[in-house]
Amino acid sequence: MAQPLKLGTLVHSLAGRDAGEHYLVVGILEPNHVLVANGLNRPLKSPKKKNLRHLQARQQSPDVLAKKIQRRKARDEEIAGAIREMTGNSHFRGEREGNEPDVKEERCH
């Protein structure tokens, strides 16, 4: 069974449509599920439910941010900024943003 994660932990999604994306844990549900957000297309007001088996823990966010998440005082900008800082990725855009469509348009003349 997977280890329980703490609020504010940076995680990397291993499965699903969002595979390869980074999130912060913003809620703990059942023993095997957490809520994650990235502050962009997954804001704090609509976090994504993820199974712990589909996540890989990376590192803990700063204590200040983890406490804000716990008190529900964190902002989406802080979440996105923390992910950007911890991953070292200045081009962090969120799940599926900027990807090419799977189906190419065919035009009839």
N, C-alpha and C. Protein backbone atom coordinates (compact mmCIF):
# COMPACT_ATOMS: atom_id res chain seq x y z
N MET A 1 0.85 -1.18 0.00
CA MET A 1 0.00 0.00 0.00
C MET A 1 0.89 1.24 0.00
N ALA A 2 0.46 2.29 -0.69
CA ALA A 2 1.24 3.52 -0.81
C ALA A 2 1.27 4.30 0.51
N GLN A 3 2.34 5.05 0.70
CA GLN A 3 2.50 5.88 1.89
C GLN A 3 1.54 7.05 1.86
N PRO A 4 0.95 7.41 2.99
CA PRO A 4 0.10 8.60 3.01
C PRO A 4 0.95 9.86 2.79
N LEU A 5 0.39 10.79 2.06
CA LEU A 5 1.10 12.05 1.76
C LEU A 5 0.62 13.14 2.69
N LYS A 6 1.46 14.15 2.87
CA LYS A 6 1.10 15.32 3.69
C LYS A 6 0.61 16.44 2.79
N LEU A 7 -0.16 17.35 3.36
CA LEU A 7 -0.59 18.53 2.61
C LEU A 7 0.63 19.31 2.16
N GLY A 8 0.59 19.78 0.93
CA GLY A 8 1.69 20.57 0.40
C GLY A 8 2.79 19.77 -0.26
N THR A 9 2.66 18.46 -0.35
CA THR A 9 3.68 17.64 -0.99
C THR A 9 3.58 17.79 -2.51
N LEU A 10 4.71 18.00 -3.16
CA LEU A 10 4.77 18.04 -4.61
C LEU A 10 4.70 16.61 -5.12
N VAL A 11 3.78 16.34 -6.03
CA VAL A 11 3.63 15.00 -6.59
C VAL A 11 3.69 15.06 -8.10
N HIS A 12 4.08 13.94 -8.68
CA HIS A 12 4.18 13.78 -10.13
C HIS A 12 3.16 12.72 -10.52
N SER A 13 2.27 13.04 -11.44
CA SER A 13 1.24 12.10 -11.87
C SER A 13 1.84 11.06 -12.80
N LEU A 14 1.57 9.79 -12.49
CA LEU A 14 2.12 8.68 -13.27
C LEU A 14 1.11 8.07 -14.23
N ALA A 15 -0.18 8.31 -14.01
CA ALA A 15 -1.22 7.68 -14.83
C ALA A 15 -2.38 8.63 -15.05
N GLY A 16 -3.12 8.36 -16.11
CA GLY A 16 -4.28 9.18 -16.43
C GLY A 16 -3.96 10.18 -17.52
N ARG A 17 -4.94 11.00 -17.85
CA ARG A 17 -4.74 12.03 -18.88
C ARG A 17 -3.68 13.04 -18.49
N ASP A 18 -3.47 13.18 -17.20
CA ASP A 18 -2.52 14.17 -16.71
C ASP A 18 -1.16 13.56 -16.39
N ALA A 19 -0.86 12.39 -16.92
CA ALA A 19 0.43 11.74 -16.66
C ALA A 19 1.57 12.69 -17.03
N GLY A 20 2.53 12.80 -16.14
CA GLY A 20 3.68 13.68 -16.37
C GLY A 20 3.55 15.06 -15.75
N GLU A 21 2.37 15.40 -15.26
CA GLU A 21 2.14 16.72 -14.67
C GLU A 21 2.49 16.73 -13.19
N HIS A 22 2.77 17.93 -12.67
CA HIS A 22 3.06 18.12 -11.25
C HIS A 22 1.91 18.82 -10.56
N TYR A 23 1.66 18.43 -9.32
CA TYR A 23 0.60 19.01 -8.49
C TYR A 23 1.09 19.12 -7.06
N LEU A 24 0.34 19.88 -6.26
CA LEU A 24 0.53 19.88 -4.82
C LEU A 24 -0.67 19.20 -4.19
N VAL A 25 -0.43 18.42 -3.15
CA VAL A 25 -1.52 17.78 -2.42
C VAL A 25 -2.22 18.86 -1.60
N VAL A 26 -3.53 19.02 -1.81
CA VAL A 26 -4.29 20.05 -1.10
C VAL A 26 -5.38 19.47 -0.22
N GLY A 27 -5.54 18.15 -0.25
CA GLY A 27 -6.54 17.50 0.59
C GLY A 27 -6.28 16.02 0.70
N ILE A 28 -6.65 15.46 1.84
CA ILE A 28 -6.51 14.02 2.08
C ILE A 28 -7.92 13.45 2.18
N LEU A 29 -8.21 12.43 1.37
CA LEU A 29 -9.53 11.81 1.40
C LEU A 29 -9.42 10.47 2.11
N GLU A 30 -9.83 9.43 1.43
CA GLU A 30 -9.76 8.09 1.97
C GLU A 30 -8.28 7.72 2.12
N PRO A 31 -8.00 6.57 2.70
CA PRO A 31 -6.59 6.19 2.86
C PRO A 31 -5.80 6.13 1.56
N ASN A 32 -6.45 5.89 0.43
CA ASN A 32 -5.72 5.74 -0.83
C ASN A 32 -5.95 6.87 -1.83
N HIS A 33 -6.61 7.96 -1.42
CA HIS A 33 -6.89 9.05 -2.35
C HIS A 33 -6.56 10.40 -1.74
N VAL A 34 -6.11 11.30 -2.61
CA VAL A 34 -5.83 12.68 -2.19
C VAL A 34 -6.44 13.63 -3.22
N LEU A 35 -6.52 14.90 -2.86
CA LEU A 35 -6.93 15.95 -3.78
C LEU A 35 -5.69 16.73 -4.16
N VAL A 36 -5.53 17.01 -5.45
CA VAL A 36 -4.36 17.74 -5.92
C VAL A 36 -4.80 18.94 -6.75
N ALA A 37 -3.96 19.96 -6.75
CA ALA A 37 -4.21 21.17 -7.53
C ALA A 37 -2.89 21.69 -8.05
N ASN A 38 -2.96 22.44 -9.17
CA ASN A 38 -1.75 23.06 -9.70
C ASN A 38 -1.88 24.57 -9.82
N GLY A 39 -3.03 25.11 -9.45
CA GLY A 39 -3.22 26.56 -9.46
C GLY A 39 -3.53 27.13 -10.83
N LEU A 40 -3.49 26.32 -11.87
CA LEU A 40 -3.78 26.80 -13.22
C LEU A 40 -5.10 26.21 -13.69
N ASN A 41 -5.04 25.10 -14.41
CA ASN A 41 -6.28 24.48 -14.87
C ASN A 41 -6.89 23.58 -13.80
N ARG A 42 -6.21 23.35 -12.72
CA ARG A 42 -6.74 22.64 -11.55
C ARG A 42 -6.60 23.57 -10.34
N PRO A 43 -7.51 24.55 -10.23
CA PRO A 43 -7.44 25.50 -9.11
C PRO A 43 -7.87 24.86 -7.80
N LEU A 44 -7.64 25.56 -6.73
CA LEU A 44 -8.00 25.07 -5.40
C LEU A 44 -9.50 24.85 -5.25
N LYS A 45 -10.31 25.60 -5.98
CA LYS A 45 -11.76 25.44 -5.86
C LYS A 45 -12.27 24.18 -6.55
N SER A 46 -11.48 23.58 -7.44
CA SER A 46 -11.89 22.31 -8.07
C SER A 46 -10.68 21.39 -8.22
N PRO A 47 -10.17 20.87 -7.10
CA PRO A 47 -9.01 19.98 -7.16
C PRO A 47 -9.37 18.63 -7.79
N LYS A 48 -8.35 17.92 -8.21
CA LYS A 48 -8.53 16.62 -8.84
C LYS A 48 -8.31 15.52 -7.82
N LYS A 49 -9.19 14.53 -7.82
CA LYS A 49 -9.04 13.37 -6.94
C LYS A 49 -8.10 12.38 -7.63
N LYS A 50 -7.05 11.96 -6.92
CA LYS A 50 -6.08 11.02 -7.49
C LYS A 50 -5.83 9.88 -6.53
N ASN A 51 -5.65 8.69 -7.08
CA ASN A 51 -5.27 7.51 -6.31
C ASN A 51 -3.78 7.60 -6.01
N LEU A 52 -3.38 7.25 -4.82
CA LEU A 52 -1.96 7.32 -4.44
C LEU A 52 -1.08 6.44 -5.32
N ARG A 53 -1.65 5.36 -5.86
CA ARG A 53 -0.87 4.48 -6.74
C ARG A 53 -0.48 5.19 -8.03
N HIS A 54 -1.19 6.25 -8.38
CA HIS A 54 -0.94 6.96 -9.62
C HIS A 54 -0.07 8.19 -9.42
N LEU A 55 0.48 8.35 -8.22
CA LEU A 55 1.29 9.53 -7.91
C LEU A 55 2.66 9.12 -7.37
N GLN A 56 3.64 9.95 -7.66
CA GLN A 56 4.97 9.77 -7.09
C GLN A 56 5.31 11.04 -6.31
N ALA A 57 5.58 10.89 -5.02
CA ALA A 57 5.92 12.04 -4.19
C ALA A 57 7.31 12.54 -4.58
N ARG A 58 7.45 13.86 -4.68
CA ARG A 58 8.74 14.46 -5.03
C ARG A 58 9.38 15.12 -3.82
N GLN A 59 8.76 16.17 -3.30
CA GLN A 59 9.32 16.88 -2.15
C GLN A 59 8.22 17.66 -1.45
N GLN A 60 8.50 18.06 -0.24
CA GLN A 60 7.55 18.82 0.55
C GLN A 60 7.69 20.30 0.22
N SER A 61 6.58 21.00 0.10
CA SER A 61 6.62 22.44 -0.15
C SER A 61 7.05 23.15 1.13
N PRO A 62 7.40 24.43 1.05
CA PRO A 62 7.77 25.17 2.27
C PRO A 62 6.66 25.10 3.32
N ASP A 63 7.05 25.06 4.60
CA ASP A 63 6.09 24.94 5.69
C ASP A 63 5.04 26.04 5.66
N VAL A 64 5.43 27.24 5.26
CA VAL A 64 4.49 28.36 5.21
C VAL A 64 3.34 28.04 4.27
N LEU A 65 3.65 27.52 3.10
CA LEU A 65 2.61 27.19 2.12
C LEU A 65 1.77 26.01 2.60
N ALA A 66 2.40 25.00 3.18
CA ALA A 66 1.65 23.83 3.69
C ALA A 66 0.66 24.27 4.77
N LYS A 67 1.06 25.20 5.62
CA LYS A 67 0.14 25.70 6.66
C LYS A 67 -1.00 26.50 6.05
N LYS A 68 -0.71 27.27 5.00
CA LYS A 68 -1.77 28.02 4.32
C LYS A 68 -2.77 27.08 3.67
N ILE A 69 -2.28 25.99 3.09
CA ILE A 69 -3.17 25.01 2.48
C ILE A 69 -4.05 24.38 3.55
N GLN A 70 -3.45 24.05 4.68
CA GLN A 70 -4.20 23.44 5.78
C GLN A 70 -5.29 24.38 6.29
N ARG A 71 -4.99 25.68 6.38
CA ARG A 71 -5.96 26.66 6.88
C ARG A 71 -6.89 27.16 5.77
N ARG A 72 -6.71 26.64 4.56
CA ARG A 72 -7.50 27.05 3.39
C ARG A 72 -7.32 28.53 3.06
N LYS A 73 -6.11 29.02 3.23
CA LYS A 73 -5.80 30.41 2.95
C LYS A 73 -4.86 30.56 1.74
N ALA A 74 -4.46 29.45 1.13
CA ALA A 74 -3.55 29.51 -0.01
C ALA A 74 -4.29 30.03 -1.24
N ARG A 75 -3.54 30.62 -2.16
CA ARG A 75 -4.10 31.13 -3.40
C ARG A 75 -3.54 30.33 -4.58
N ASP A 76 -4.26 30.31 -5.67
CA ASP A 76 -3.82 29.56 -6.85
C ASP A 76 -2.45 30.03 -7.34
N GLU A 77 -2.20 31.33 -7.27
CA GLU A 77 -0.91 31.87 -7.72
C GLU A 77 0.23 31.31 -6.88
N GLU A 78 0.00 31.13 -5.59
CA GLU A 78 1.02 30.57 -4.71
C GLU A 78 1.29 29.10 -5.03
N ILE A 79 0.23 28.37 -5.33
CA ILE A 79 0.37 26.96 -5.69
C ILE A 79 1.17 26.83 -6.98
N ALA A 80 0.78 27.57 -8.01
CA ALA A 80 1.47 27.51 -9.30
C ALA A 80 2.93 27.96 -9.16
N GLY A 81 3.16 29.01 -8.39
CA GLY A 81 4.52 29.50 -8.18
C GLY A 81 5.39 28.49 -7.44
N ALA A 82 4.83 27.82 -6.44
CA ALA A 82 5.59 26.82 -5.69
C ALA A 82 5.96 25.64 -6.58
N ILE A 83 5.03 25.20 -7.42
CA ILE A 83 5.32 24.09 -8.34
C ILE A 83 6.42 24.50 -9.31
N ARG A 84 6.30 25.70 -9.85
CA ARG A 84 7.31 26.21 -10.79
C ARG A 84 8.68 26.26 -10.13
N GLU A 85 8.72 26.73 -8.90
CA GLU A 85 9.98 26.85 -8.16
C GLU A 85 10.59 25.49 -7.83
N MET A 86 9.75 24.56 -7.35
CA MET A 86 10.26 23.24 -6.94
C MET A 86 10.67 22.37 -8.12
N THR A 87 10.01 22.53 -9.27
CA THR A 87 10.36 21.71 -10.43
C THR A 87 11.45 22.37 -11.27
N GLY A 88 11.68 23.66 -11.06
CA GLY A 88 12.66 24.36 -11.87
C GLY A 88 12.19 24.57 -13.30
N ASN A 89 10.90 24.44 -13.52
CA ASN A 89 10.32 24.55 -14.85
C ASN A 89 9.65 25.90 -15.02
N SER A 90 10.27 26.79 -15.77
CA SER A 90 9.69 28.12 -15.96
C SER A 90 8.57 28.11 -16.98
N HIS A 91 8.41 27.00 -17.70
CA HIS A 91 7.36 26.92 -18.71
C HIS A 91 6.21 26.03 -18.26
N PHE A 92 6.03 25.91 -16.96
CA PHE A 92 4.95 25.09 -16.40
C PHE A 92 3.62 25.65 -16.87
N ARG A 93 2.80 24.81 -17.54
CA ARG A 93 1.54 25.29 -18.10
C ARG A 93 0.33 24.52 -17.61
N GLY A 94 0.50 23.40 -16.96
CA GLY A 94 -0.65 22.64 -16.50
C GLY A 94 -1.05 21.54 -17.47
N GLU A 95 -1.99 20.78 -17.03
CA GLU A 95 -2.45 19.59 -17.74
C GLU A 95 -3.01 19.92 -19.12
N ARG A 96 -2.49 19.26 -20.12
CA ARG A 96 -2.96 19.29 -21.51
C ARG A 96 -2.87 20.64 -22.20
N GLU A 97 -2.42 21.66 -21.55
CA GLU A 97 -2.38 22.97 -22.18
C GLU A 97 -1.26 23.01 -23.20
N GLY A 98 -1.55 23.47 -24.38
CA GLY A 98 -0.54 23.63 -25.42
C GLY A 98 -0.28 22.37 -26.23
N ASN A 99 -0.98 21.28 -25.96
CA ASN A 99 -0.78 20.06 -26.73
C ASN A 99 -1.51 20.14 -28.06
N GLU A 100 -0.97 19.43 -29.02
CA GLU A 100 -1.62 19.35 -30.33
C GLU A 100 -2.84 18.44 -30.22
N PRO A 101 -3.90 18.70 -30.98
CA PRO A 101 -5.06 17.81 -30.95
C PRO A 101 -4.69 16.44 -31.51
N ASP A 102 -5.37 15.40 -31.02
CA ASP A 102 -5.12 14.04 -31.47
C ASP A 102 -5.60 13.81 -32.90
N VAL A 103 -6.65 14.52 -33.31
CA VAL A 103 -7.26 14.32 -34.61
C VAL A 103 -6.95 15.54 -35.49
N LYS A 104 -6.48 15.27 -36.68
CA LYS A 104 -6.19 16.37 -37.61
C LYS A 104 -7.45 16.67 -38.42
N GLU A 105 -7.65 17.96 -38.65
CA GLU A 105 -8.84 18.36 -39.42
C GLU A 105 -8.61 18.07 -40.89
N GLU A 106 -9.64 17.53 -41.52
CA GLU A 106 -9.61 17.35 -42.96
C GLU A 106 -10.60 18.32 -43.57
N ARG A 107 -10.15 19.03 -44.57
CA ARG A 107 -11.03 20.02 -45.20
C ARG A 107 -11.52 19.50 -46.52
N CYS A 108 -12.79 19.66 -46.74
CA CYS A 108 -13.40 19.28 -48.01
C CYS A 108 -13.51 20.53 -48.87
N HIS A 109 -13.10 20.43 -50.11
CA HIS A 109 -13.18 21.59 -51.01
C HIS A 109 -14.28 21.44 -51.97
